[in-house]
Protein backbone atom coordinates (compact mmCIF):
# COMPACT_ATOMS: atom_id res chain seq x y z
CA MET A 1 34.00 -25.31 151.13
CA SER A 2 35.91 -23.62 148.12
CA ILE A 3 38.88 -24.39 146.11
CA PRO A 4 40.94 -21.91 147.42
CA ASP A 5 39.90 -22.31 151.03
CA LEU A 6 41.14 -26.30 151.18
CA LYS A 7 44.59 -27.30 152.30
CA PRO A 8 46.62 -29.36 150.64
CA ILE A 9 45.92 -33.03 150.25
CA ILE A 10 48.85 -35.22 151.49
CA PHE A 11 49.83 -37.53 148.42
CA TYR A 12 51.95 -40.44 149.72
CA ASP A 13 54.40 -41.20 146.78
CA ILE A 14 57.60 -43.82 146.06
CA PRO A 15 60.34 -41.72 144.82
CA SER A 16 63.17 -42.85 142.49
CA VAL A 17 66.31 -41.61 141.09
CA LEU A 18 64.01 -40.13 138.31
CA GLN A 19 63.94 -35.99 139.22
CA ASN A 20 60.70 -34.39 138.30
CA GLU A 21 59.61 -37.78 136.80
CA PRO A 22 56.90 -40.36 137.27
CA TRP A 23 58.60 -44.06 138.50
CA SER A 24 55.02 -45.91 139.78
CA PRO A 25 52.55 -46.79 137.50
CA ASN A 26 49.89 -46.81 140.37
CA THR A 27 50.32 -43.75 142.59
CA ILE A 28 50.90 -41.59 138.89
CA LYS A 29 46.99 -42.18 138.95
CA THR A 30 46.49 -40.75 141.80
CA ARG A 31 48.76 -37.77 140.85
CA TYR A 32 46.72 -37.34 137.59
CA CYS A 33 43.77 -37.17 139.65
CA LEU A 34 44.38 -34.63 141.85
CA THR A 35 45.87 -31.98 138.68
CA PHE A 36 42.99 -32.81 136.24
CA LYS A 37 40.56 -31.71 139.34
CA GLY A 38 42.69 -28.71 140.30
CA LEU A 39 42.56 -29.79 144.02
CA PRO A 40 45.85 -28.70 146.23
CA PHE A 41 48.03 -31.32 146.92
CA GLN A 42 51.67 -31.74 148.87
CA THR A 43 53.96 -35.15 147.78
CA VAL A 44 55.75 -36.90 150.81
CA TRP A 45 57.45 -39.63 149.80
CA LEU A 46 57.88 -42.86 150.90
CA GLU A 47 60.42 -45.73 150.24
CA PHE A 48 59.08 -48.88 149.80
CA PRO A 49 59.96 -50.52 153.11
CA GLU A 50 58.65 -47.47 154.91
CA ILE A 51 55.08 -48.22 153.32
CA LYS A 52 54.31 -51.23 155.68
CA PRO A 53 55.12 -49.31 159.02
CA PHE A 54 53.26 -46.64 157.29
CA TYR A 55 50.17 -48.28 157.02
CA GLU A 56 50.69 -50.37 160.91
CA GLN A 57 51.04 -46.50 162.35
CA HIS A 58 48.08 -45.82 161.19
CA SER A 59 45.85 -48.52 161.35
CA LEU A 60 45.56 -48.42 157.29
CA ALA A 61 44.20 -52.25 156.21
CA PRO A 62 46.07 -53.69 153.54
CA THR A 63 44.82 -52.85 150.06
CA ALA A 64 45.54 -56.55 148.22
CA VAL A 65 46.20 -60.41 149.42
CA ARG A 66 49.00 -61.97 146.97
CA SER A 67 50.56 -65.17 147.25
CA PHE A 68 54.17 -65.61 148.45
CA LYS A 69 55.92 -69.08 148.43
CA GLY A 70 52.27 -70.01 148.04
CA ILE A 71 51.19 -68.25 151.47
CA PRO A 72 48.08 -65.71 150.90
CA THR A 73 50.24 -62.42 152.57
CA PRO A 74 48.66 -58.55 152.74
CA VAL A 75 50.47 -56.53 151.13
CA CYS A 76 50.37 -52.90 151.89
CA THR A 77 50.74 -50.23 148.75
CA LEU A 78 50.87 -47.36 147.37
CA PRO A 79 49.27 -44.66 146.64
CA VAL A 80 47.26 -43.57 149.73
CA ILE A 81 46.20 -39.79 150.41
CA MET A 82 45.25 -38.12 153.54
CA ASP A 83 42.90 -35.35 153.23
CA PRO A 84 43.30 -32.45 156.27
CA ASN A 85 39.94 -31.33 154.99
CA THR A 86 37.94 -34.28 156.34
CA ASN A 87 40.92 -35.83 158.46
CA ARG A 88 40.55 -38.94 156.24
CA LEU A 89 43.11 -41.66 154.89
CA ILE A 90 42.52 -43.67 151.64
CA ALA A 91 44.24 -45.96 150.19
CA ASP A 92 44.21 -47.59 146.93
CA SER A 93 43.84 -45.58 143.85
CA PHE A 94 40.49 -46.79 142.31
CA ALA A 95 39.35 -45.72 146.26
CA ILE A 96 40.52 -42.99 146.07
CA ALA A 97 39.18 -41.18 142.82
CA GLN A 98 35.99 -42.57 144.16
CA TYR A 99 36.34 -40.45 147.09
CA LEU A 100 37.50 -37.37 145.28
CA ASP A 101 35.09 -37.34 142.96
CA GLU A 102 32.36 -37.78 146.31
CA GLN A 103 33.91 -35.54 148.48
CA TYR A 104 34.63 -32.69 145.82
CA PRO A 105 31.78 -32.66 143.36
CA ASP A 106 32.07 -29.23 141.66
CA THR A 107 35.37 -30.70 140.49
CA PRO A 108 35.81 -32.84 137.05
CA LYS A 109 34.90 -36.57 137.41
CA VAL A 110 37.00 -39.08 136.64
CA LEU A 111 34.62 -41.55 137.13
CA PRO A 112 31.80 -39.43 135.27
CA ASN A 113 27.84 -39.97 134.48
CA ASN A 114 28.14 -43.36 136.88
CA THR A 115 30.94 -45.05 135.04
CA ALA A 116 32.58 -46.42 138.55
CA ALA A 117 31.41 -49.81 137.73
CA LEU A 118 32.56 -49.79 134.05
CA VAL A 119 36.21 -48.73 134.86
CA HIS A 120 36.62 -50.78 137.70
CA VAL A 121 35.82 -53.94 134.34
CA PHE A 122 38.20 -51.78 132.44
CA ARG A 123 40.82 -51.95 134.66
CA THR A 124 40.37 -55.35 135.44
CA ALA A 125 40.91 -56.12 132.02
CA PHE A 126 43.37 -53.86 131.63
CA PHE A 127 45.46 -56.02 134.19
CA ASP A 128 44.79 -58.96 132.84
CA ALA A 129 45.60 -57.81 128.71
CA THR A 130 48.86 -56.00 130.00
CA ARG A 131 50.32 -59.46 132.97
CA GLY A 132 52.82 -61.24 130.00
CA GLY A 133 55.35 -58.51 130.34
CA ILE A 134 55.42 -58.35 134.57
CA LEU A 135 58.15 -59.56 134.74
CA LEU A 136 60.07 -57.18 132.63
CA ALA A 137 58.21 -54.07 133.77
CA CYS A 138 59.56 -55.31 137.50
CA PHE A 139 63.55 -55.51 136.35
CA ARG A 140 63.28 -52.11 134.31
CA GLY A 141 61.53 -50.37 136.54
CA ALA A 142 63.75 -51.74 139.99
CA GLN A 143 66.98 -49.61 137.88
CA LYS A 144 65.43 -46.36 138.33
CA LEU A 145 64.50 -47.02 142.53
CA ASN A 146 66.45 -45.49 144.97
CA PRO A 147 68.94 -48.24 146.72
CA LYS A 148 67.19 -48.26 149.28
CA SER A 149 63.68 -49.21 147.66
CA LYS A 150 65.70 -51.20 145.40
CA GLU A 151 67.05 -54.23 147.44
CA TYR A 152 63.74 -54.51 149.31
CA TYR A 153 62.06 -54.27 145.87
CA ILE A 154 64.25 -56.63 144.21
CA ARG A 155 63.78 -59.23 146.98
CA ASN A 156 59.99 -58.92 147.26
CA ARG A 157 59.58 -59.59 143.45
CA THR A 158 61.64 -63.05 143.42
CA GLU A 159 59.68 -64.07 146.43
CA ARG A 160 56.33 -62.84 144.73
CA PHE A 161 56.97 -64.67 141.72
CA GLY A 162 59.39 -67.36 142.95
CA ILE A 163 62.11 -67.02 140.10
CA PRO A 164 65.65 -66.17 140.47
CA TRP A 165 65.86 -61.64 139.86
CA GLU A 166 68.54 -62.57 136.90
CA GLN A 167 66.03 -64.83 134.75
CA PHE A 168 63.14 -61.56 134.68
CA ALA A 169 64.23 -60.21 132.00
CA THR A 170 66.55 -62.99 130.05
CA PRO A 171 67.13 -62.01 126.01
CA GLU A 172 64.46 -64.66 125.00
CA SER A 173 62.60 -63.39 128.65
CA THR A 174 62.44 -60.14 127.40
CA GLU A 175 61.87 -60.48 123.55
CA LYS A 176 59.00 -62.41 124.88
CA GLN A 177 57.52 -59.99 126.94
CA TRP A 178 58.10 -56.84 124.95
CA ASN A 179 55.56 -58.99 122.22
CA ALA A 180 53.32 -59.66 125.15
CA LEU A 181 52.99 -55.88 125.58
CA ARG A 182 52.33 -55.25 121.57
CA VAL A 183 49.39 -58.17 121.65
CA ALA A 184 48.10 -55.92 124.74
CA CYS A 185 48.19 -52.50 123.08
CA ASN A 186 46.62 -53.97 120.08
CA THR A 187 43.76 -55.21 122.78
CA LEU A 188 43.93 -51.74 124.29
CA ASP A 189 43.54 -50.18 120.85
CA GLY A 190 40.58 -51.88 119.68
CA TRP A 191 38.68 -50.71 123.20
CA TYR A 192 39.85 -47.39 122.24
CA ALA A 193 38.57 -47.86 118.48
CA THR A 194 35.18 -47.89 119.65
CA SER A 195 35.29 -44.08 121.61
CA SER A 196 34.25 -41.02 119.67
CA GLY A 197 36.83 -38.95 120.87
CA GLN A 198 40.16 -39.48 121.78
CA PHE A 199 39.80 -41.01 125.04
CA ILE A 200 37.86 -44.00 126.07
CA LEU A 201 34.51 -42.02 126.81
CA GLY A 202 35.22 -39.43 124.49
CA ASP A 203 37.08 -36.05 124.37
CA THR A 204 37.50 -36.06 128.09
CA PRO A 205 39.94 -37.93 130.39
CA CYS A 206 38.68 -40.25 132.70
CA PHE A 207 40.77 -43.09 135.47
CA ALA A 208 40.66 -45.20 132.70
CA ASP A 209 42.63 -42.90 130.56
CA PHE A 210 44.70 -42.71 133.41
CA THR A 211 45.42 -46.30 134.17
CA VAL A 212 46.57 -46.64 130.62
CA ALA A 213 48.90 -43.15 130.07
CA GLY A 214 50.51 -44.96 133.77
CA LEU A 215 51.47 -47.72 131.54
CA CYS A 216 52.86 -45.43 128.70
CA ASN A 217 54.61 -43.50 130.99
CA TRP A 218 55.99 -46.09 132.58
CA VAL A 219 57.55 -47.14 129.82
CA ARG A 220 58.34 -43.72 128.81
CA TYR A 221 60.65 -43.45 131.65
CA CYS A 222 62.12 -46.92 132.90
CA TYR A 223 62.52 -48.69 130.01
CA GLU A 224 65.23 -48.46 127.38
CA ASP A 225 64.80 -45.62 125.14
CA GLN A 226 64.11 -47.03 121.81
CA GLU A 227 61.61 -48.97 123.71
CA TRP A 228 59.74 -46.42 123.99
CA GLU A 229 60.49 -45.44 121.14
CA GLU A 230 59.25 -48.10 119.24
CA MET A 231 56.16 -47.91 121.25
CA LYS A 232 54.86 -44.93 120.25
CA SER A 233 54.95 -45.71 116.71
CA TRP A 234 52.31 -48.62 117.45
CA ASN A 235 48.77 -48.58 116.93
CA GLY A 236 48.68 -45.43 114.73
CA GLY A 237 50.57 -43.27 117.16
CA ARG A 238 47.70 -43.50 119.59
CA TRP A 239 50.08 -43.97 123.01
CA ARG A 240 51.77 -40.64 121.97
CA ARG A 241 48.49 -38.73 121.54
CA LEU A 242 47.27 -40.44 124.82
CA VAL A 243 50.75 -39.52 126.86
CA GLU A 244 50.81 -35.87 125.23
CA ALA A 245 46.94 -35.68 126.21
CA THR A 246 47.76 -36.34 129.73
CA ASP A 247 51.05 -34.47 130.05
CA LYS A 248 49.33 -31.39 131.65
CA TYR A 249 48.25 -33.34 134.50
CA LEU A 250 51.46 -34.37 135.50
CA ASP A 251 52.16 -31.42 138.13
CA PHE A 252 55.73 -32.88 139.97
CA SER A 253 56.32 -29.30 141.22
CA LYS A 254 54.60 -30.30 144.45
């Protein structure tokens, strides 16, 4: 089936007070992939409290298990896509990337040249490197959510991390976490420095680049303006250039 004959893929994303701008660094990876591949899609917005009922309605398995108050708890997350061309529901951004590459082999690959395993390792290392700023990221991001999701998100994150919300971003912890993000970016910069091109695999972006660009856009749209201005100057402007080079793959018209 050629692309003009395809029915639009349904892409489930998280809304926010930001109009035509990304919020979630997780769902944005799938938006990048769909646009990069030139696949038709349309967005269906789900507020945070609507995600678990959606999973239950469609008999989707949870995408992760996390500890809440010391108890392992299944977690339902976005992104999810529903492909009406195959009647398949796929959850998790990496699984979606794999599916899109396999199902639509004539489109540009986001996991090219059998690099899926290596990109998966990159993703794991990326999460480990950036973990030190997670509380600040949660605090900044919550301010951009719609009221229905914001209340749920704050309650969920305080239970998950076991500390009061007001302690997520005290002046001292904010400085510490911001410095941790800079250290993480220095680590990422070292990885990118080994590439022969602008992107991690050379001159063409892949899922790994969309993962890093998702973090950059989280800071760009959810943090304070001066924080994004500072980050843009780090590592010789690498993160500003990465965002500029990948912005064309962020289609918010659908």
